[in-house]
PDB file of N, CA and C in Angstrom:
ATOM      1  N   GLN A   1       0.847  -1.190   0.000  1.00  0.00           N
ATOM      2  CA  GLN A   1       0.000   0.000   0.000  1.00  0.00           C
ATOM      3  C   GLN A   1       0.885   1.243   0.000  1.00  0.00           C
ATOM      4  N   VAL A   2       0.578   2.152  -0.920  1.00  0.00           N
ATOM      5  CA  VAL A   2       1.365   3.368  -1.044  1.00  0.00           C
ATOM      6  C   VAL A   2       0.959   4.359   0.038  1.00  0.00           C
ATOM      7  N   HIS A   3       1.966   5.014   0.612  1.00  0.00           N
ATOM      8  CA  HIS A   3       1.721   6.005   1.656  1.00  0.00           C
ATOM      9  C   HIS A   3       2.644   7.186   1.431  1.00  0.00           C
ATOM     10  N   LEU A   4       2.084   8.398   1.499  1.00  0.00           N
ATOM     11  CA  LEU A   4       2.863   9.625   1.350  1.00  0.00           C
ATOM     12  C   LEU A   4       2.731  10.437   2.631  1.00  0.00           C
ATOM     13  N   LEU A   5       3.844  10.935   3.128  1.00  0.00           N
ATOM     14  CA  LEU A   5       3.842  11.701   4.365  1.00  0.00           C
ATOM     15  C   LEU A   5       4.615  12.993   4.168  1.00  0.00           C
ATOM     16  N   GLU A   6       3.900  14.117   4.257  1.00  0.00           N
ATOM     17  CA  GLU A   6       4.551  15.421   4.130  1.00  0.00           C
ATOM     18  C   GLU A   6       5.068  15.898   5.493  1.00  0.00           C
ATOM     19  N   SER A   7       6.087  16.715   5.435  1.00  0.00           N
ATOM     20  CA  SER A   7       6.611  17.365   6.629  1.00  0.00           C
ATOM     21  C   SER A   7       7.292  18.663   6.217  1.00  0.00           C
ATOM     22  N   GLY A   8       7.567  19.511   7.205  1.00  0.00           N
ATOM     23  CA  GLY A   8       8.305  20.738   6.938  1.00  0.00           C
ATOM     24  C   GLY A   8       7.481  22.003   6.926  1.00  0.00           C
ATOM     25  N   GLY A   9       6.181  21.869   7.059  1.00  0.00           N
ATOM     26  CA  GLY A   9       5.349  23.065   7.098  1.00  0.00           C
ATOM     27  C   GLY A   9       5.541  23.835   8.389  1.00  0.00           C
ATOM     28  N   GLY A  10       4.958  25.024   8.433  1.00  0.00           N
ATOM     29  CA  GLY A  10       5.061  25.829   9.642  1.00  0.00           C
ATOM     30  C   GLY A  10       4.709  27.268   9.387  1.00  0.00           C
ATOM     31  N   LEU A  11       5.061  28.109  10.351  1.00  0.00           N
ATOM     32  CA  LEU A  11       4.800  29.541  10.281  1.00  0.00           C
ATOM     33  C   LEU A  11       6.101  30.272   9.953  1.00  0.00           C
ATOM     34  N   VAL A  12       6.047  31.150   8.979  1.00  0.00           N
ATOM     35  CA  VAL A  12       7.235  31.901   8.565  1.00  0.00           C
ATOM     36  C   VAL A  12       6.817  33.306   8.171  1.00  0.00           C
ATOM     37  N   GLN A  13       7.709  34.253   8.339  1.00  0.00           N
ATOM     38  CA  GLN A  13       7.421  35.622   7.919  1.00  0.00           C
ATOM     39  C   GLN A  13       7.595  35.766   6.416  1.00  0.00           C
ATOM     40  N   ALA A  14       6.912  36.729   5.876  1.00  0.00           N
ATOM     41  CA  ALA A  14       7.048  37.016   4.449  1.00  0.00           C
ATOM     42  C   ALA A  14       8.514  37.246   4.103  1.00  0.00           C
ATOM     43  N   GLY A  15       8.933  36.657   2.987  1.00  0.00           N
ATOM     44  CA  GLY A  15      10.318  36.734   2.566  1.00  0.00           C
ATOM     45  C   GLY A  15      11.164  35.568   3.030  1.00  0.00           C
ATOM     46  N   GLY A  16      10.613  34.786   3.929  1.00  0.00           N
ATOM     47  CA  GLY A  16      11.343  33.643   4.462  1.00  0.00           C
ATOM     48  C   GLY A  16      11.261  32.417   3.574  1.00  0.00           C
ATOM     49  N   SER A  17      11.808  31.318   4.081  1.00  0.00           N
ATOM     50  CA  SER A  17      11.886  30.075   3.310  1.00  0.00           C
ATOM     51  C   SER A  17      11.444  28.891   4.155  1.00  0.00           C
ATOM     52  N   LEU A  18      10.942  27.890   3.468  1.00  0.00           N
ATOM     53  CA  LEU A  18      10.621  26.606   4.064  1.00  0.00           C
ATOM     54  C   LEU A  18      10.948  25.525   3.045  1.00  0.00           C
ATOM     55  N   ARG A  19      11.264  24.332   3.543  1.00  0.00           N
ATOM     56  CA  ARG A  19      11.434  23.195   2.647  1.00  0.00           C
ATOM     57  C   ARG A  19      10.490  22.093   3.090  1.00  0.00           C
ATOM     58  N   LEU A  20       9.608  21.718   2.199  1.00  0.00           N
ATOM     59  CA  LEU A  20       8.696  20.621   2.453  1.00  0.00           C
ATOM     60  C   LEU A  20       9.304  19.319   1.946  1.00  0.00           C
ATOM     61  N   SER A  21       9.015  18.250   2.664  1.00  0.00           N
ATOM     62  CA  SER A  21       9.450  16.919   2.245  1.00  0.00           C
ATOM     63  C   SER A  21       8.237  16.021   2.103  1.00  0.00           C
ATOM     64  N   CYS A  22       8.360  15.054   1.224  1.00  0.00           N
ATOM     65  CA  CYS A  22       7.289  14.076   1.011  1.00  0.00           C
ATOM     66  C   CYS A  22       7.935  12.699   0.943  1.00  0.00           C
ATOM     67  N   ALA A  23       7.781  11.939   2.001  1.00  0.00           N
ATOM     68  CA  ALA A  23       8.358  10.601   2.071  1.00  0.00           C
ATOM     69  C   ALA A  23       7.344   9.593   1.547  1.00  0.00           C
ATOM     70  N   ALA A  24       7.773   8.814   0.568  1.00  0.00           N
ATOM     71  CA  ALA A  24       6.902   7.824  -0.049  1.00  0.00           C
ATOM     72  C   ALA A  24       7.305   6.418   0.394  1.00  0.00           C
ATOM     73  N   SER A  25       6.306   5.594   0.648  1.00  0.00           N
ATOM     74  CA  SER A  25       6.560   4.201   0.981  1.00  0.00           C
ATOM     75  C   SER A  25       5.554   3.333   0.236  1.00  0.00           C
ATOM     76  N   GLY A  26       5.949   2.089   0.029  1.00  0.00           N
ATOM     77  CA  GLY A  26       5.054   1.168  -0.657  1.00  0.00           C
ATOM     78  C   GLY A  26       5.299   1.037  -2.143  1.00  0.00           C
ATOM     79  N   TYR A  27       6.269   1.795  -2.663  1.00  0.00           N
ATOM     80  CA  TYR A  27       6.609   1.684  -4.070  1.00  0.00           C
ATOM     81  C   TYR A  27       7.778   0.721  -4.234  1.00  0.00           C
ATOM     82  N   ALA A  28       7.671  -0.158  -5.211  1.00  0.00           N
ATOM     83  CA  ALA A  28       8.766  -1.062  -5.489  1.00  0.00           C
ATOM     84  C   ALA A  28       9.897  -0.318  -6.203  1.00  0.00           C
ATOM     85  N   ARG A  29       9.535   0.641  -7.046  1.00  0.00           N
ATOM     86  CA  ARG A  29      10.512   1.452  -7.772  1.00  0.00           C
ATOM     87  C   ARG A  29      10.045   2.900  -7.782  1.00  0.00           C
ATOM     88  N   SER A  30      10.978   3.808  -8.008  1.00  0.00           N
ATOM     89  CA  SER A  30      10.650   5.241  -8.011  1.00  0.00           C
ATOM     90  C   SER A  30      10.257   5.735  -9.394  1.00  0.00           C
ATOM     91  N   THR A  31       9.576   4.910 -10.154  1.00  0.00           N
ATOM     92  CA  THR A  31       9.205   5.282 -11.516  1.00  0.00           C
ATOM     93  C   THR A  31       7.844   5.946 -11.550  1.00  0.00           C
ATOM     94  N   TYR A  32       7.674   6.986 -10.754  1.00  0.00           N
ATOM     95  CA  TYR A  32       6.399   7.686 -10.689  1.00  0.00           C
ATOM     96  C   TYR A  32       6.662   9.182 -10.620  1.00  0.00           C
ATOM     97  N   ALA A  33       5.793   9.930 -11.237  1.00  0.00           N
ATOM     98  CA  ALA A  33       5.880  11.385 -11.142  1.00  0.00           C
ATOM     99  C   ALA A  33       5.337  11.833  -9.787  1.00  0.00           C
ATOM    100  N   MET A  34       5.814  12.981  -9.338  1.00  0.00           N
ATOM    101  CA  MET A  34       5.330  13.552  -8.086  1.00  0.00           C
ATOM    102  C   MET A  34       4.871  14.975  -8.329  1.00  0.00           C
ATOM    103  N   GLY A  35       3.914  15.392  -7.544  1.00  0.00           N
ATOM    104  CA  GLY A  35       3.418  16.756  -7.668  1.00  0.00           C
ATOM    105  C   GLY A  35       3.147  17.356  -6.307  1.00  0.00           C
ATOM    106  N   TRP A  36       3.153  18.660  -6.261  1.00  0.00           N
ATOM    107  CA  TRP A  36       2.755  19.412  -5.073  1.00  0.00           C
ATOM    108  C   TRP A  36       1.564  20.295  -5.443  1.00  0.00           C
ATOM    109  N   PHE A  37       0.576  20.276  -4.585  1.00  0.00           N
ATOM    110  CA  PHE A  37      -0.617  21.100  -4.741  1.00  0.00           C
ATOM    111  C   PHE A  37      -0.858  21.828  -3.430  1.00  0.00           C
ATOM    112  N   ARG A  38      -1.676  22.850  -3.467  1.00  0.00           N
ATOM    113  CA  ARG A  38      -2.017  23.555  -2.239  1.00  0.00           C
ATOM    114  C   ARG A  38      -3.474  23.962  -2.265  1.00  0.00           C
ATOM    115  N   GLN A  39      -4.015  24.134  -1.071  1.00  0.00           N
ATOM    116  CA  GLN A  39      -5.409  24.521  -0.960  1.00  0.00           C
ATOM    117  C   GLN A  39      -5.563  25.495   0.198  1.00  0.00           C
ATOM    118  N   ALA A  40      -6.012  26.694  -0.132  1.00  0.00           N
ATOM    119  CA  ALA A  40      -6.280  27.714   0.871  1.00  0.00           C
ATOM    120  C   ALA A  40      -7.762  27.624   1.282  1.00  0.00           C
ATOM    121  N   PRO A  41      -8.105  28.121   2.462  1.00  0.00           N
ATOM    122  CA  PRO A  41      -9.511  28.052   2.914  1.00  0.00           C
ATOM    123  C   PRO A  41     -10.457  28.690   1.904  1.00  0.00           C
ATOM    124  N   GLY A  42     -11.493  27.962   1.564  1.00  0.00           N
ATOM    125  CA  GLY A  42     -12.502  28.479   0.650  1.00  0.00           C
ATOM    126  C   GLY A  42     -12.110  28.452  -0.811  1.00  0.00           C
ATOM    127  N   LYS A  43     -10.952  27.888  -1.106  1.00  0.00           N
ATOM    128  CA  LYS A  43     -10.493  27.836  -2.495  1.00  0.00           C
ATOM    129  C   LYS A  43     -10.275  26.398  -2.940  1.00  0.00           C
ATOM    130  N   GLU A  44     -10.230  26.224  -4.241  1.00  0.00           N
ATOM    131  CA  GLU A  44      -9.988  24.898  -4.787  1.00  0.00           C
ATOM    132  C   GLU A  44      -8.507  24.540  -4.689  1.00  0.00           C
ATOM    133  N   ARG A  45      -8.236  23.240  -4.714  1.00  0.00           N
ATOM    134  CA  ARG A  45      -6.853  22.775  -4.708  1.00  0.00           C
ATOM    135  C   ARG A  45      -6.201  23.207  -6.020  1.00  0.00           C
ATOM    136  N   GLU A  46      -5.013  23.798  -5.916  1.00  0.00           N
ATOM    137  CA  GLU A  46      -4.342  24.294  -7.110  1.00  0.00           C
ATOM    138  C   GLU A  46      -2.951  23.686  -7.253  1.00  0.00           C
ATOM    139  N   PHE A  47      -2.539  23.585  -8.483  1.00  0.00           N
ATOM    140  CA  PHE A  47      -1.231  23.038  -8.821  1.00  0.00           C
ATOM    141  C   PHE A  47      -0.134  24.000  -8.393  1.00  0.00           C
ATOM    142  N   VAL A  48       0.950  23.436  -7.850  1.00  0.00           N
ATOM    143  CA  VAL A  48       2.124  24.222  -7.485  1.00  0.00           C
ATOM    144  C   VAL A  48       3.331  23.835  -8.341  1.00  0.00           C
ATOM    145  N   ALA A  49       3.683  22.544  -8.301  1.00  0.00           N
ATOM    146  CA  ALA A  49       4.869  22.090  -9.029  1.00  0.00           C
ATOM    147  C   ALA A  49       4.764  20.585  -9.251  1.00  0.00           C
ATOM    148  N   ALA A  50       5.491  20.098 -10.250  1.00  0.00           N
ATOM    149  CA  ALA A  50       5.524  18.670 -10.530  1.00  0.00           C
ATOM    150  C   ALA A  50       6.895  18.294 -11.070  1.00  0.00           C
ATOM    151  N   ILE A  51       7.229  17.023 -10.932  1.00  0.00           N
ATOM    152  CA  ILE A  51       8.522  16.529 -11.393  1.00  0.00           C
ATOM    153  C   ILE A  51       8.337  15.123 -11.934  1.00  0.00           C
ATOM    154  N   ASN A  52       9.037  14.820 -13.022  1.00  0.00           N
ATOM    155  CA  ASN A  52       8.876  13.480 -13.575  1.00  0.00           C
ATOM    156  C   ASN A  52       9.696  12.482 -12.759  1.00  0.00           C
ATOM    157  N   TRP A  53       9.695  11.226 -13.169  1.00  0.00           N
ATOM    158  CA  TRP A  53      10.228  10.173 -12.312  1.00  0.00           C
ATOM    159  C   TRP A  53      11.718  10.299 -12.042  1.00  0.00           C
ATOM    160  N   ASN A  54      12.476  10.812 -12.971  1.00  0.00           N
ATOM    161  CA  ASN A  54      13.928  10.877 -12.764  1.00  0.00           C
ATOM    162  C   ASN A  54      14.422  12.292 -12.504  1.00  0.00           C
ATOM    163  N   GLY A  55      13.490  13.237 -12.372  1.00  0.00           N
ATOM    164  CA  GLY A  55      13.889  14.606 -12.072  1.00  0.00           C
ATOM    165  C   GLY A  55      14.352  15.406 -13.259  1.00  0.00           C
ATOM    166  N   ALA A  56      14.277  14.843 -14.446  1.00  0.00           N
ATOM    167  CA  ALA A  56      14.781  15.542 -15.629  1.00  0.00           C
ATOM    168  C   ALA A  56      13.864  16.672 -16.082  1.00  0.00           C
ATOM    169  N   ASN A  57      12.600  16.575 -15.723  1.00  0.00           N
ATOM    170  CA  ASN A  57      11.621  17.580 -16.135  1.00  0.00           C
ATOM    171  C   ASN A  57      10.807  18.069 -14.944  1.00  0.00           C
ATOM    172  N   THR A  58      10.635  19.376 -14.896  1.00  0.00           N
ATOM    173  CA  THR A  58       9.846  19.993 -13.825  1.00  0.00           C
ATOM    174  C   THR A  58       8.858  20.992 -14.414  1.00  0.00           C
ATOM    175  N   TRP A  59       7.804  21.224 -13.672  1.00  0.00           N
ATOM    176  CA  TRP A  59       6.770  22.172 -14.083  1.00  0.00           C
ATOM    177  C   TRP A  59       6.378  23.014 -12.850  1.00  0.00           C
ATOM    178  N   TYR A  60       6.039  24.266 -13.094  1.00  0.00           N
ATOM    179  CA  TYR A  60       5.660  25.160 -12.010  1.00  0.00           C
ATOM    180  C   TYR A  60       4.464  26.010 -12.421  1.00  0.00           C
ATOM    181  N   SER A  61       3.670  26.370 -11.431  1.00  0.00           N
ATOM    182  CA  SER A  61       2.623  27.346 -11.698  1.00  0.00           C
ATOM    183  C   SER A  61       3.286  28.715 -11.835  1.00  0.00           C
ATOM    184  N   ASP A  62       2.636  29.596 -12.524  1.00  0.00           N
ATOM    185  CA  ASP A  62       3.192  30.938 -12.727  1.00  0.00           C
ATOM    186  C   ASP A  62       3.377  31.661 -11.397  1.00  0.00           C
ATOM    187  N   SER A  63       2.530  31.362 -10.436  1.00  0.00           N
ATOM    188  CA  SER A  63       2.569  32.083  -9.162  1.00  0.00           C
ATOM    189  C   SER A  63       3.788  31.735  -8.315  1.00  0.00           C
ATOM    190  N   VAL A  64       4.424  30.597  -8.575  1.00  0.00           N
ATOM    191  CA  VAL A  64       5.585  30.199  -7.761  1.00  0.00           C
ATOM    192  C   VAL A  64       6.864  30.104  -8.569  1.00  0.00           C
ATOM    193  N   LYS A  65       6.763  30.229  -9.861  1.00  0.00           N
ATOM    194  CA  LYS A  65       7.942  30.085 -10.720  1.00  0.00           C
ATOM    195  C   LYS A  65       9.006  31.100 -10.322  1.00  0.00           C
ATOM    196  N   GLY A  66      10.224  30.629 -10.163  1.00  0.00           N
ATOM    197  CA  GLY A  66      11.329  31.497  -9.768  1.00  0.00           C
ATOM    198  C   GLY A  66      11.515  31.591  -8.262  1.00  0.00           C
ATOM    199  N   ARG A  67      10.533  31.122  -7.499  1.00  0.00           N
ATOM    200  CA  ARG A  67      10.633  31.168  -6.031  1.00  0.00           C
ATOM    201  C   ARG A  67      10.690  29.765  -5.422  1.00  0.00           C
ATOM    202  N   PHE A  68       9.996  28.824  -6.019  1.00  0.00           N
ATOM    203  CA  PHE A  68       9.924  27.454  -5.514  1.00  0.00           C
ATOM    204  C   PHE A  68      10.737  26.536  -6.414  1.00  0.00           C
ATOM    205  N   THR A  69      11.301  25.492  -5.814  1.00  0.00           N
ATOM    206  CA  THR A  69      12.040  24.483  -6.565  1.00  0.00           C
ATOM    207  C   THR A  69      11.619  23.102  -6.111  1.00  0.00           C
ATOM    208  N   ILE A  70      11.197  22.289  -7.060  1.00  0.00           N
ATOM    209  CA  ILE A  70      10.831  20.912  -6.761  1.00  0.00           C
ATOM    210  C   ILE A  70      12.009  20.005  -7.097  1.00  0.00           C
ATOM    211  N   SER A  71      12.208  18.988  -6.279  1.00  0.00           N
ATOM    212  CA  SER A  71      13.287  18.038  -6.529  1.00  0.00           C
ATOM    213  C   SER A  71      12.902  16.700  -5.911  1.00  0.00           C
ATOM    214  N   ARG A  72      13.737  15.709  -6.134  1.00  0.00           N
ATOM    215  CA  ARG A  72      13.474  14.400  -5.550  1.00  0.00           C
ATOM    216  C   ARG A  72      14.768  13.636  -5.354  1.00  0.00           C
ATOM    217  N   ALA A  73      14.760  12.751  -4.394  1.00  0.00           N
ATOM    218  CA  ALA A  73      15.894  11.868  -4.135  1.00  0.00           C
ATOM    219  C   ALA A  73      15.343  10.451  -4.158  1.00  0.00           C
ATOM    220  N   ASN A  74      15.441   9.818  -5.313  1.00  0.00           N
ATOM    221  CA  ASN A  74      14.827   8.493  -5.461  1.00  0.00           C
ATOM    222  C   ASN A  74      15.443   7.447  -4.541  1.00  0.00           C
ATOM    223  N   ALA A  75      16.706   7.603  -4.220  1.00  0.00           N
ATOM    224  CA  ALA A  75      17.350   6.650  -3.315  1.00  0.00           C
ATOM    225  C   ALA A  75      16.706   6.690  -1.932  1.00  0.00           C
ATOM    226  N   LYS A  76      16.091   7.833  -1.613  1.00  0.00           N
ATOM    227  CA  LYS A  76      15.429   7.987  -0.325  1.00  0.00           C
ATOM    228  C   LYS A  76      13.913   7.932  -0.449  1.00  0.00           C
ATOM    229  N   ASN A  77      13.420   7.743  -1.678  1.00  0.00           N
ATOM    230  CA  ASN A  77      11.975   7.760  -1.930  1.00  0.00           C
ATOM    231  C   ASN A  77      11.323   9.022  -1.362  1.00  0.00           C
ATOM    232  N   THR A  78      11.966  10.139  -1.572  1.00  0.00           N
ATOM    233  CA  THR A  78      11.510  11.398  -0.993  1.00  0.00           C
ATOM    234  C   THR A  78      11.506  12.508  -2.041  1.00  0.00           C
ATOM    235  N   GLY A  79      10.456  13.302  -1.999  1.00  0.00           N
ATOM    236  CA  GLY A  79      10.375  14.485  -2.836  1.00  0.00           C
ATOM    237  C   GLY A  79      10.454  15.728  -1.971  1.00  0.00           C
ATOM    238  N   TYR A  80      10.850  16.838  -2.592  1.00  0.00           N
ATOM    239  CA  TYR A  80      11.042  18.069  -1.832  1.00  0.00           C
ATOM    240  C   TYR A  80      10.423  19.259  -2.576  1.00  0.00           C
ATOM    241  N   LEU A  81      10.059  20.255  -1.801  1.00  0.00           N
ATOM    242  CA  LEU A  81       9.624  21.524  -2.368  1.00  0.00           C
ATOM    243  C   LEU A  81      10.305  22.627  -1.569  1.00  0.00           C
ATOM    244  N   GLN A  82      11.313  23.239  -2.156  1.00  0.00           N
ATOM    245  CA  GLN A  82      12.010  24.356  -1.541  1.00  0.00           C
ATOM    246  C   GLN A  82      11.251  25.631  -1.877  1.00  0.00           C
ATOM    247  N   MET A  83      10.828  26.327  -0.848  1.00  0.00           N
ATOM    248  CA  MET A  83      10.014  27.534  -1.048  1.00  0.00           C
ATOM    249  C   MET A  83      10.768  28.742  -0.502  1.00  0.00           C
ATOM    250  N   ASN A  84      11.132  29.637  -1.389  1.00  0.00           N
ATOM    251  CA  ASN A  84      11.852  30.861  -1.023  1.00  0.00           C
ATOM    252  C   ASN A  84      10.984  32.091  -1.298  1.00  0.00           C
ATOM    253  N   SER A  85      11.372  33.199  -0.710  1.00  0.00           N
ATOM    254  CA  SER A  85      10.657  34.473  -0.920  1.00  0.00           C
ATOM    255  C   SER A  85       9.153  34.293  -0.723  1.00  0.00           C
ATOM    256  N   LEU A  86       8.804  33.653   0.361  1.00  0.00           N
ATOM    257  CA  LEU A  86       7.386  33.349   0.613  1.00  0.00           C
ATOM    258  C   LEU A  86       6.563  34.606   0.808  1.00  0.00           C
ATOM    259  N   LYS A  87       5.319  34.526   0.356  1.00  0.00           N
ATOM    260  CA  LYS A  87       4.375  35.629   0.440  1.00  0.00           C
ATOM    261  C   LYS A  87       3.158  35.195   1.246  1.00  0.00           C
ATOM    262  N   PRO A  88       2.439  36.136   1.841  1.00  0.00           N
ATOM    263  CA  PRO A  88       1.217  35.756   2.580  1.00  0.00           C
ATOM    264  C   PRO A  88       0.234  34.962   1.717  1.00  0.00           C
ATOM    265  N   GLU A  89       0.186  35.237   0.438  1.00  0.00           N
ATOM    266  CA  GLU A  89      -0.726  34.506  -0.446  1.00  0.00           C
ATOM    267  C   GLU A  89      -0.300  33.070  -0.699  1.00  0.00           C
ATOM    268  N   ASP A  90       0.876  32.680  -0.225  1.00  0.00           N
ATOM    269  CA  ASP A  90       1.296  31.284  -0.306  1.00  0.00           C
ATOM    270  C   ASP A  90       0.716  30.456   0.836  1.00  0.00           C
ATOM    271  N   THR A  91       0.049  31.101   1.781  1.00  0.00           N
ATOM    272  CA  THR A  91      -0.540  30.399   2.912  1.00  0.00           C
ATOM    273  C   THR A  91      -1.591  29.400   2.438  1.00  0.00           C
ATOM    274  N   ALA A  92      -1.420  28.145   2.826  1.00  0.00           N
ATOM    275  CA  ALA A  92      -2.325  27.079   2.391  1.00  0.00           C
ATOM    276  C   ALA A  92      -1.876  25.769   3.028  1.00  0.00           C
ATOM    277  N   VAL A  93      -2.701  24.754   2.867  1.00  0.00           N
ATOM    278  CA  VAL A  93      -2.271  23.386   3.163  1.00  0.00           C
ATOM    279  C   VAL A  93      -1.638  22.838   1.892  1.00  0.00           C
ATOM    280  N   TYR A  94      -0.444  22.319   2.033  1.00  0.00           N
ATOM    281  CA  TYR A  94       0.295  21.797   0.882  1.00  0.00           C
ATOM    282  C   TYR A  94       0.240  20.270   0.892  1.00  0.00           C
ATOM    283  N   PHE A  95      -0.096  19.721  -0.268  1.00  0.00           N
ATOM    284  CA  PHE A  95      -0.227  18.281  -0.423  1.00  0.00           C
ATOM    285  C   PHE A  95       0.784  17.775  -1.448  1.00  0.00           C
ATOM    286  N   CYS A  96       1.384  16.633  -1.171  1.00  0.00           N
ATOM    287  CA  CYS A  96       2.157  15.980  -2.218  1.00  0.00           C
ATOM    288  C   CYS A  96       1.318  14.849  -2.797  1.00  0.00           C
ATOM    289  N   ALA A  97       1.609  14.531  -4.032  1.00  0.00           N
ATOM    290  CA  ALA A  97       0.878  13.502  -4.747  1.00  0.00           C
ATOM    291  C   ALA A  97       1.850  12.701  -5.599  1.00  0.00           C
ATOM    292  N   ALA A  98       1.485  11.464  -5.883  1.00  0.00           N
ATOM    293  CA  ALA A  98       2.355  10.603  -6.672  1.00  0.00           C
ATOM    294  C   ALA A  98       1.529   9.733  -7.611  1.00  0.00           C
ATOM    295  N   THR A  99       2.166   9.356  -8.705  1.00  0.00           N
ATOM    296  CA  THR A  99       1.570   8.534  -9.751  1.00  0.00           C
ATOM    297  C   THR A  99       0.446   9.286 -10.455  1.00  0.00           C
ATOM    298  N   ALA A 100       0.842  10.106 -11.408  1.00  0.00           N
ATOM    299  CA  ALA A 100      -0.125  10.890 -12.166  1.00  0.00           C
ATOM    300  C   ALA A 100      -0.980   9.987 -13.053  1.00  0.00           C
ATOM    301  N   LEU A 101      -2.266  10.280 -13.076  1.00  0.00           N
ATOM    302  CA  LEU A 101      -3.200   9.528 -13.912  1.00  0.00           C
ATOM    303  C   LEU A 101      -3.528  10.305 -15.191  1.00  0.00           C
ATOM    304  N   GLY A 102      -3.023  11.523 -15.275  1.00  0.00           N
ATOM    305  CA  GLY A 102      -3.241  12.361 -16.443  1.00  0.00           C
ATOM    306  C   GLY A 102      -2.142  13.398 -16.509  1.00  0.00           C
ATOM    307  N   LEU A 103      -2.501  14.604 -16.868  1.00  0.00           N
ATOM    308  CA  LEU A 103      -1.522  15.680 -16.900  1.00  0.00           C
ATOM    309  C   LEU A 103      -0.954  15.911 -15.498  1.00  0.00           C
ATOM    310  N   LEU A 104       0.341  16.115 -15.426  1.00  0.00           N
ATOM    311  CA  LEU A 104       0.992  16.283 -14.126  1.00  0.00           C
ATOM    312  C   LEU A 104       0.552  17.556 -13.418  1.00  0.00           C
ATOM    313  N   THR A 105       0.040  18.501 -14.173  1.00  0.00           N
ATOM    314  CA  THR A 105      -0.339  19.796 -13.602  1.00  0.00           C
ATOM    315  C   THR A 105      -1.782  19.825 -13.123  1.00  0.00           C
ATOM    316  N   THR A 106      -2.473  18.714 -13.236  1.00  0.00           N
ATOM    317  CA  THR A 106      -3.851  18.624 -12.751  1.00  0.00           C
ATOM    318  C   THR A 106      -3.895  17.700 -11.545  1.00  0.00           C
ATOM    319  N   PRO A 107      -4.868  17.893 -10.639  1.00  0.00           N
ATOM    320  CA  PRO A 107      -4.929  17.073  -9.429  1.00  0.00           C
ATOM    321  C   PRO A 107      -5.485  15.676  -9.691  1.00  0.00           C
ATOM    322  N   ASN A 108      -4.950  15.024 -10.679  1.00  0.00           N
ATOM    323  CA  ASN A 108      -5.401  13.694 -11.060  1.00  0.00           C
ATOM    324  C   ASN A 108      -4.277  12.701 -10.792  1.00  0.00           C
ATOM    325  N   TYR A 109      -4.027  12.461  -9.506  1.00  0.00           N
ATOM    326  CA  TYR A 109      -2.987  11.551  -9.066  1.00  0.00           C
ATOM    327  C   TYR A 109      -3.609  10.413  -8.276  1.00  0.00           C
ATOM    328  N   LYS A 110      -2.926   9.309  -8.264  1.00  0.00           N
ATOM    329  CA  LYS A 110      -3.435   8.115  -7.597  1.00  0.00           C
ATOM    330  C   LYS A 110      -3.298   8.192  -6.080  1.00  0.00           C
ATOM    331  N   SER A 111      -2.201   8.760  -5.601  1.00  0.00           N
ATOM    332  CA  SER A 111      -1.912   8.768  -4.165  1.00  0.00           C
ATOM    333  C   SER A 111      -1.677  10.187  -3.671  1.00  0.00           C
ATOM    334  N   TRP A 112      -2.166  10.450  -2.459  1.00  0.00           N
ATOM    335  CA  TRP A 112      -2.047  11.768  -1.844  1.00  0.00           C
ATOM    336  C   TRP A 112      -1.588  11.658  -0.400  1.00  0.00           C
ATOM    337  N   GLY A 113      -0.831  12.659   0.045  1.00  0.00           N
ATOM    338  CA  GLY A 113      -0.503  12.776   1.447  1.00  0.00           C
ATOM    339  C   GLY A 113      -1.624  13.484   2.185  1.00  0.00           C
ATOM    340  N   GLN A 114      -1.432  13.625   3.498  1.00  0.00           N
ATOM    341  CA  GLN A 114      -2.486  14.216   4.328  1.00  0.00           C
ATOM    342  C   GLN A 114      -2.403  15.735   4.367  1.00  0.00           C
ATOM    343  N   GLY A 115      -1.290  16.282   3.899  1.00  0.00           N
ATOM    344  CA  GLY A 115      -1.136  17.730   3.839  1.00  0.00           C
ATOM    345  C   GLY A 115      -0.347  18.288   5.008  1.00  0.00           C
ATOM    346  N   THR A 116       0.308  19.412   4.767  1.00  0.00           N
ATOM    347  CA  THR A 116       1.036  20.113   5.815  1.00  0.00           C
ATOM    348  C   THR A 116       0.739  21.609   5.692  1.00  0.00           C
ATOM    349  N   GLN A 117       0.488  22.262   6.806  1.00  0.00           N
ATOM    350  CA  GLN A 117       0.086  23.663   6.803  1.00  0.00           C
ATOM    351  C   GLN A 117       1.302  24.571   6.653  1.00  0.00           C
ATOM    352  N   VAL A 118       1.190  25.509   5.744  1.00  0.00           N
ATOM    353  CA  VAL A 118       2.188  26.564   5.582  1.00  0.00           C
ATOM    354  C   VAL A 118       1.474  27.891   5.798  1.00  0.00           C
ATOM    355  N   THR A 119       1.967  28.674   6.736  1.00  0.00           N
ATOM    356  CA  THR A 119       1.380  29.969   7.039  1.00  0.00           C
ATOM    357  C   THR A 119       2.462  31.031   6.918  1.00  0.00           C
ATOM    358  N   VAL A 120       2.207  32.024   6.097  1.00  0.00           N
ATOM    359  CA  VAL A 120       3.164  33.104   5.884  1.00  0.00           C
ATOM    360  C   VAL A 120       2.556  34.391   6.439  1.00  0.00           C
ATOM    361  N   SER A 121       3.209  34.962   7.430  1.00  0.00           N
ATOM    362  CA  SER A 121       2.699  36.189   8.038  1.00  0.00           C
ATOM    363  C   SER A 121       3.264  37.417   7.313  1.00  0.00           C
ATOM    364  N   PRO A 122       2.504  38.509   7.296  1.00  0.00           N
ATOM    365  CA  PRO A 122       2.969  39.715   6.582  1.00  0.00           C
ATOM    366  C   PRO A 122       4.239  40.291   7.191  1.00  0.00           C
TER     367      PRO A 122
END
């Protein structure tokens, strides 16, 4: 059974940085794409970033491009989201996802973590 566990969320001031981690278990091989999504109160879940199975290709939403970096360490079965220059509008619950069932930029993934809260104060 596949299990994803996010960590690294917290409270940070605007302009600060956080690094989220997503530990995956239950996969025989790391041949799966990973994605990060976020959901703010009263809003729909939105795409943040995605990475293909070997890290050769990445995708970002326009709102985080240049500030966030997605990466992965397949030897550790872990994905990461480095978030720099954080803004109050980045405040949301961040979810990692694995095994895309369609476009990597859409929330159509087979497995999801439980989410980690990121709060950016002004």
